[in-house]
């Protein structure tokens, strides 16, 4: 997605976006916060973390230049699903729901292409999450002594 997202919009669209700077360790957004914007990493790296239990977090992903996060906020009003913090000095471009609505009004074809790129990335991330979930379930079952050779699947 690194080049594809940037290639899906003309340079003048990117230059009109708000820019934000973060230092190492700065929290960009907290899990549970409301938001209406996605972020495109211009430079730097971010960590995406998820609370597992009260004081336990796990790193879900690391993103670098050209990648985006927070894209669900363009489509729903649900709270953020993870906390994101800068791993190093990071420059972000902020793409809001208002930016998207303006793009849809001004150039529906361009907006459709942009949304297809975002949907492609979302689909990739959901498939990756499904694989991680499958592995975690398999590990949990093995830890409990489950023998997959002796059991029949209920989804044939």
Protein backbone atom coordinates (compact mmCIF):
# COMPACT_ATOMS: atom_id res chain seq x y z
CA UNK A 1 0.00 0.00 0.00
CA UNK A 2 2.99 2.33 0.50
CA UNK A 3 3.05 3.80 -2.99
CA UNK A 4 -0.46 2.84 -4.04
CA UNK A 5 -2.20 5.05 -1.48
CA UNK A 6 -0.09 8.06 -2.43
CA UNK A 7 -0.54 7.31 -6.13
CA UNK A 8 -4.32 7.12 -5.76
CA UNK A 9 -4.59 10.89 -5.12
CA UNK A 10 -2.93 13.80 -6.92
CA UNK A 11 -0.17 15.69 -5.12
CA UNK A 12 -2.38 18.74 -4.55
CA UNK A 13 -4.75 16.60 -2.46
CA UNK A 14 -1.90 15.55 -0.18
CA UNK A 15 -0.48 19.04 0.15
CA UNK A 16 -3.80 20.33 1.52
CA UNK A 17 -3.86 17.83 4.41
CA UNK A 18 -3.01 18.80 7.97
CA UNK A 19 0.43 17.67 9.10
CA UNK A 20 1.25 16.56 12.65
CA UNK A 21 4.58 15.77 14.30
CA UNK A 22 5.21 13.31 17.12
CA UNK A 23 8.30 12.40 19.12
CA UNK A 24 9.39 8.91 20.16
CA UNK A 25 6.86 7.47 22.62
CA UNK A 26 4.18 10.08 21.95
CA UNK A 27 0.67 8.60 21.82
CA UNK A 28 -1.13 9.52 18.60
CA UNK A 29 -4.48 7.99 19.55
CA UNK A 30 -5.74 5.86 22.45
CA UNK A 31 -7.78 2.70 22.23
CA UNK A 32 -11.38 3.70 22.99
CA UNK A 33 -11.05 7.30 21.76
CA UNK A 34 -13.50 8.56 19.17
CA UNK A 35 -12.05 9.79 15.90
CA UNK A 36 -13.02 10.79 12.39
CA UNK A 37 -9.61 10.73 10.75
CA UNK A 38 -7.04 8.35 9.40
CA UNK A 39 -3.33 8.99 9.40
CA UNK A 40 -0.80 8.52 6.61
CA UNK A 41 2.80 8.21 7.74
CA UNK A 42 4.98 10.70 5.87
CA UNK A 43 8.11 9.75 7.83
CA UNK A 44 8.94 7.75 10.91
CA UNK A 45 7.43 4.61 12.42
CA UNK A 46 4.49 3.84 14.69
CA UNK A 47 3.48 0.96 16.95
CA UNK A 48 -0.11 -0.27 17.08
CA UNK A 49 -0.89 -1.78 20.51
CA UNK A 50 -3.96 -3.47 21.95
CA UNK A 51 -4.86 -3.87 25.60
CA UNK A 52 -5.16 -7.56 26.46
CA UNK A 53 -5.80 -7.19 30.20
CA UNK A 54 -5.69 -4.26 32.57
CA UNK A 55 -1.94 -3.53 32.38
CA UNK A 56 -0.96 -5.90 29.55
CA UNK A 57 -0.66 -4.72 25.96
CA UNK A 58 0.50 -6.49 22.84
CA UNK A 59 2.00 -4.98 19.71
CA UNK A 60 -0.29 -5.74 16.78
CA UNK A 61 1.67 -4.00 14.05
CA UNK A 62 4.42 -1.56 13.11
CA UNK A 63 3.87 0.85 10.25
CA UNK A 64 6.30 3.08 8.38
CA UNK A 65 6.38 5.70 5.64
CA UNK A 66 3.48 5.56 3.19
CA UNK A 67 1.37 3.28 5.33
CA UNK A 68 -1.84 4.35 7.04
CA UNK A 69 -3.79 3.59 10.20
CA UNK A 70 -7.11 4.65 11.69
CA UNK A 71 -8.94 4.09 8.41
CA UNK A 72 -12.04 2.63 10.12
CA UNK A 73 -12.72 6.10 11.52
CA UNK A 74 -13.57 7.31 8.03
CA UNK A 75 -16.49 4.88 7.91
CA UNK A 76 -17.89 4.42 11.40
CA UNK A 77 -18.31 6.30 14.63
CA UNK A 78 -16.95 3.48 16.78
CA UNK A 79 -14.14 4.02 19.27
CA UNK A 80 -10.54 3.40 18.17
CA UNK A 81 -9.70 -0.30 18.32
CA UNK A 82 -6.06 0.16 19.36
CA UNK A 83 -3.55 2.63 20.75
CA UNK A 84 -0.96 4.01 18.34
CA UNK A 85 2.27 5.65 19.42
CA UNK A 86 5.30 7.00 17.60
CA UNK A 87 8.25 4.62 17.76
CA UNK A 88 10.57 7.39 16.54
CA UNK A 89 10.19 10.97 15.35
CA UNK A 90 7.16 10.76 13.06
CA UNK A 91 5.41 13.09 10.62
CA UNK A 92 1.80 12.29 9.78
CA UNK A 93 -0.71 13.53 7.24
CA UNK A 94 -4.27 13.64 8.57
CA UNK A 95 -7.11 12.59 6.24
CA UNK A 96 -10.52 13.32 7.80
CA UNK A 97 -14.02 12.19 6.98
CA UNK A 98 -14.61 15.77 5.82
CA UNK A 99 -11.68 15.40 3.38
CA UNK A 100 -13.29 12.23 2.06
CA UNK A 101 -16.72 13.86 1.67
CA UNK A 102 -15.14 16.77 -0.23
CA UNK A 103 -13.27 14.35 -2.50
CA UNK A 104 -16.48 12.42 -3.20
CA UNK A 105 -18.27 15.66 -4.17
CA UNK A 106 -15.45 17.03 -6.34
CA UNK A 107 -14.23 13.84 -8.05
CA UNK A 108 -16.29 10.70 -7.43
CA UNK A 109 -14.07 8.54 -9.67
CA UNK A 110 -10.92 9.56 -7.84
CA UNK A 111 -12.68 9.03 -4.52
CA UNK A 112 -13.77 5.54 -5.61
CA UNK A 113 -10.20 4.63 -6.55
CA UNK A 114 -8.91 5.95 -3.23
CA UNK A 115 -11.55 3.97 -1.31
CA UNK A 116 -10.70 0.80 -3.24
CA UNK A 117 -7.08 1.14 -2.14
CA UNK A 118 -8.18 1.55 1.47
CA UNK A 119 -10.60 -1.40 1.23
CA UNK A 120 -7.83 -3.55 -0.24
CA UNK A 121 -5.64 -2.74 2.77
CA UNK A 122 -8.51 -3.43 5.19
CA UNK A 123 -9.14 -6.81 3.53
CA UNK A 124 -5.42 -7.67 3.80
CA UNK A 125 -5.39 -6.76 7.50
CA UNK A 126 -8.56 -8.76 8.25
CA UNK A 127 -7.09 -11.84 6.54
CA UNK A 128 -3.88 -11.43 8.52
CA UNK A 129 -5.86 -11.06 11.76
CA UNK A 130 -7.83 -14.22 10.92
CA UNK A 131 -4.54 -16.13 10.57
CA UNK A 132 -3.25 -14.77 13.88
CA UNK A 133 -6.53 -15.68 15.59
CA UNK A 134 -6.42 -19.17 14.13
CA UNK A 135 -2.87 -19.64 15.41
CA UNK A 136 -3.81 -18.36 18.88
CA UNK A 137 -6.79 -20.74 19.06
CA UNK A 138 -4.66 -23.67 17.90
CA UNK A 139 -2.03 -22.82 20.52
CA UNK A 140 -4.68 -22.54 23.25
CA UNK A 141 -6.22 -25.87 22.32
CA UNK A 142 -2.82 -27.58 22.28
CA UNK A 143 -2.03 -26.08 25.70
CA UNK A 144 -5.23 -27.72 27.01
CA UNK A 145 -4.27 -31.11 25.59
CA UNK A 146 -6.64 -31.06 22.61
CA UNK A 147 -5.60 -33.59 19.95
CA UNK A 148 -6.73 -32.36 16.51
CA UNK A 149 -6.15 -35.86 15.02
CA UNK A 150 -8.89 -37.34 17.21
CA UNK A 151 -11.53 -34.63 16.72
CA UNK A 152 -13.84 -34.00 13.78
CA UNK A 153 -14.36 -30.52 12.47
CA UNK A 154 -17.86 -29.07 12.74
CA UNK A 155 -17.31 -26.93 9.62
CA UNK A 156 -17.09 -29.40 6.73
